[in-house]
Each structure stands twice: as C-alpha cells, then as structure tokens.
C-alpha cells in the first residue's frame, strides 16, 4: 500500500443510500427548512420592533448587514487560503 487514499466517487456514495435513508434525509431537510423559516421570521419581527422603537433605522440595519457580509466573505476566503 502506498499510503494514498482510494479515490472516492461521490455519485457512487449517493447511489448506495438505501431508500429508507433517503426518506430520512428528506425529512431532515424539511425540518431544517422549517427551522430556518421560523428563525428568519423571528429575526424579521425583532428587527421591525426595534425599528419601530427607534433603536435603529432600516438604513443602519442594511449598513450593518452589508458590513457583516463583507467580513464573512473575507473570513471565508482566508480560511480557504485565498486573499
């Protein structure tokens, strides 16, 4: 043995999933989508309430979101060895 890993074919792994495992994965994906929707709805409600109370404006929220997206993009490129 040369110490090299065998080449793994992702499509072969996908095709080897049993029908029951596939059903479970679809169910988990549906659960994740529902959780994501509920979290997004909650964040939107909190943001609206804070804007109504004058804590921050929609423009301030957008500016902060843009800033965080840029920072995340920089972090992602850095972790991948790109800059």
C-alpha atoms as a PDB file:
ATOM      1  CA  UNK A   1       0.000   0.000   0.000  1.00  0.00           C
ATOM      2  CA  UNK A   2       1.348   3.427  -0.931  1.00  0.00           C
ATOM      3  CA  UNK A   3      -0.407   5.333   1.822  1.00  0.00           C
ATOM      4  CA  UNK A   4      -2.691   7.100  -0.622  1.00  0.00           C
ATOM      5  CA  UNK A   5      -6.378   7.296  -0.024  1.00  0.00           C
ATOM      6  CA  UNK A   6      -8.562   5.486  -2.505  1.00  0.00           C
ATOM      7  CA  UNK A   7     -10.437   7.776  -4.872  1.00  0.00           C
ATOM      8  CA  UNK A   8     -13.999   8.189  -3.621  1.00  0.00           C
ATOM      9  CA  UNK A   9     -16.713   8.732  -6.157  1.00  0.00           C
ATOM     10  CA  UNK A  10     -19.416  10.945  -4.569  1.00  0.00           C
ATOM     11  CA  UNK A  11     -22.053   9.714  -7.012  1.00  0.00           C
ATOM     12  CA  UNK A  12     -21.328   6.129  -6.030  1.00  0.00           C
ATOM     13  CA  UNK A  13     -21.858   7.034  -2.373  1.00  0.00           C
ATOM     14  CA  UNK A  14     -25.132   8.784  -3.213  1.00  0.00           C
ATOM     15  CA  UNK A  15     -26.354   5.813  -5.227  1.00  0.00           C
ATOM     16  CA  UNK A  16     -25.568   3.429  -2.363  1.00  0.00           C
ATOM     17  CA  UNK A  17     -28.021   5.148   0.015  1.00  0.00           C
ATOM     18  CA  UNK A  18     -30.960   2.955   0.882  1.00  0.00           C
ATOM     19  CA  UNK A  19     -34.457   4.223   0.099  1.00  0.00           C
ATOM     20  CA  UNK A  20     -35.203   4.459   3.832  1.00  0.00           C
ATOM     21  CA  UNK A  21     -32.056   6.529   4.445  1.00  0.00           C
ATOM     22  CA  UNK A  22     -33.099   8.794   1.595  1.00  0.00           C
ATOM     23  CA  UNK A  23     -36.533   9.271   3.174  1.00  0.00           C
ATOM     24  CA  UNK A  24     -34.879  10.155   6.497  1.00  0.00           C
ATOM     25  CA  UNK A  25     -32.603  12.695   4.774  1.00  0.00           C
ATOM     26  CA  UNK A  26     -35.550  14.295   3.006  1.00  0.00           C
ATOM     27  CA  UNK A  27     -37.368  14.551   6.342  1.00  0.00           C
ATOM     28  CA  UNK A  28     -34.330  16.143   7.994  1.00  0.00           C
ATOM     29  CA  UNK A  29     -34.040  18.628   5.127  1.00  0.00           C
ATOM     30  CA  UNK A  30     -37.706  19.560   5.544  1.00  0.00           C
ATOM     31  CA  UNK A  31     -37.150  20.062   9.279  1.00  0.00           C
ATOM     32  CA  UNK A  32     -34.147  22.305   8.589  1.00  0.00           C
ATOM     33  CA  UNK A  33     -36.123  24.367   6.094  1.00  0.00           C
ATOM     34  CA  UNK A  34     -38.919  24.858   8.609  1.00  0.00           C
ATOM     35  CA  UNK A  35     -36.476  25.837  11.358  1.00  0.00           C
ATOM     36  CA  UNK A  36     -34.746  28.278   9.007  1.00  0.00           C
ATOM     37  CA  UNK A  37     -38.091  29.844   8.067  1.00  0.00           C
ATOM     38  CA  UNK A  38     -39.090  30.254  11.722  1.00  0.00           C
ATOM     39  CA  UNK A  39     -35.718  31.791  12.621  1.00  0.00           C
ATOM     40  CA  UNK A  40     -35.914  34.194   9.687  1.00  0.00           C
ATOM     41  CA  UNK A  41     -39.430  35.200  10.699  1.00  0.00           C
ATOM     42  CA  UNK A  42     -38.337  35.812  14.300  1.00  0.00           C
ATOM     43  CA  UNK A  43     -35.345  37.912  13.227  1.00  0.00           C
ATOM     44  CA  UNK A  44     -37.586  39.979  10.931  1.00  0.00           C
ATOM     45  CA  UNK A  45     -40.100  40.548  13.736  1.00  0.00           C
ATOM     46  CA  UNK A  46     -37.365  41.620  16.179  1.00  0.00           C
ATOM     47  CA  UNK A  47     -35.824  43.970  13.605  1.00  0.00           C
ATOM     48  CA  UNK A  48     -39.224  45.561  12.886  1.00  0.00           C
ATOM     49  CA  UNK A  49     -39.916  46.084  16.593  1.00  0.00           C
ATOM     50  CA  UNK A  50     -36.501  47.663  17.179  1.00  0.00           C
ATOM     51  CA  UNK A  51     -37.003  49.990  14.202  1.00  0.00           C
ATOM     52  CA  UNK A  52     -40.480  50.951  15.415  1.00  0.00           C
ATOM     53  CA  UNK A  53     -38.998  51.808  18.826  1.00  0.00           C
ATOM     54  CA  UNK A  54     -36.316  53.937  17.181  1.00  0.00           C
ATOM     55  CA  UNK A  55     -33.413  51.762  18.321  1.00  0.00           C
ATOM     56  CA  UNK A  56     -32.036  51.753  14.774  1.00  0.00           C
ATOM     57  CA  UNK A  57     -33.175  52.614  11.246  1.00  0.00           C
ATOM     58  CA  UNK A  58     -33.599  50.363   8.233  1.00  0.00           C
ATOM     59  CA  UNK A  59     -30.556  52.069   6.684  1.00  0.00           C
ATOM     60  CA  UNK A  60     -28.443  51.293   9.770  1.00  0.00           C
ATOM     61  CA  UNK A  61     -29.575  47.677   9.693  1.00  0.00           C
ATOM     62  CA  UNK A  62     -28.715  47.412   5.990  1.00  0.00           C
ATOM     63  CA  UNK A  63     -25.297  49.002   6.544  1.00  0.00           C
ATOM     64  CA  UNK A  64     -24.505  46.580   9.371  1.00  0.00           C
ATOM     65  CA  UNK A  65     -25.696  43.609   7.320  1.00  0.00           C
ATOM     66  CA  UNK A  66     -23.502  44.660   4.394  1.00  0.00           C
ATOM     67  CA  UNK A  67     -20.509  45.095   6.708  1.00  0.00           C
ATOM     68  CA  UNK A  68     -21.002  41.651   8.241  1.00  0.00           C
ATOM     69  CA  UNK A  69     -21.381  40.047   4.801  1.00  0.00           C
ATOM     70  CA  UNK A  70     -18.074  41.614   3.733  1.00  0.00           C
ATOM     71  CA  UNK A  71     -16.339  40.379   6.891  1.00  0.00           C
ATOM     72  CA  UNK A  72     -17.758  36.890   6.366  1.00  0.00           C
ATOM     73  CA  UNK A  73     -16.564  36.922   2.772  1.00  0.00           C
ATOM     74  CA  UNK A  74     -13.053  37.903   3.888  1.00  0.00           C
ATOM     75  CA  UNK A  75     -13.056  35.188   6.576  1.00  0.00           C
ATOM     76  CA  UNK A  76     -14.228  32.576   4.068  1.00  0.00           C
ATOM     77  CA  UNK A  77     -11.514  33.471   1.568  1.00  0.00           C
ATOM     78  CA  UNK A  78      -8.879  33.483   4.324  1.00  0.00           C
ATOM     79  CA  UNK A  79      -9.884  30.047   5.562  1.00  0.00           C
ATOM     80  CA  UNK A  80      -9.640  28.732   2.003  1.00  0.00           C
ATOM     81  CA  UNK A  81      -6.135  30.149   1.609  1.00  0.00           C
ATOM     82  CA  UNK A  82      -7.224  32.892  -0.807  1.00  0.00           C
ATOM     83  CA  UNK A  83      -6.855  36.624  -0.426  1.00  0.00           C
END
